[in-house]
Amino acid sequence: MKARAKEDKPTYISKGNVIDDLGFSPEEAAAIKLKASLHAEILRVVASESSDPEIWKRFSINPSPASASC
């Protein structure tokens, strides 16, 4: 079996923020970052209140048995 060291190397290494590296305009990048931040905060709030059945009704979500036992 031949070693494939060259093929396993990444072709591009991010310099920090992947959104910036993808070439979005500054306005598009700012909008994406804002949406990601809001999404993360919503997930944090839902996770912190996951034992409260009202939160699931508010978001029209049926919790799985695994998330209901949190």
Foldseek 3Di string as FASTA:
>chain_A
DDDPVVVPDDPDDDPPDVLVVVPDDPVVSVVVVVVVVVVVVVVVVCLVCLCPVVSCVVVVHDDDPVSNVD
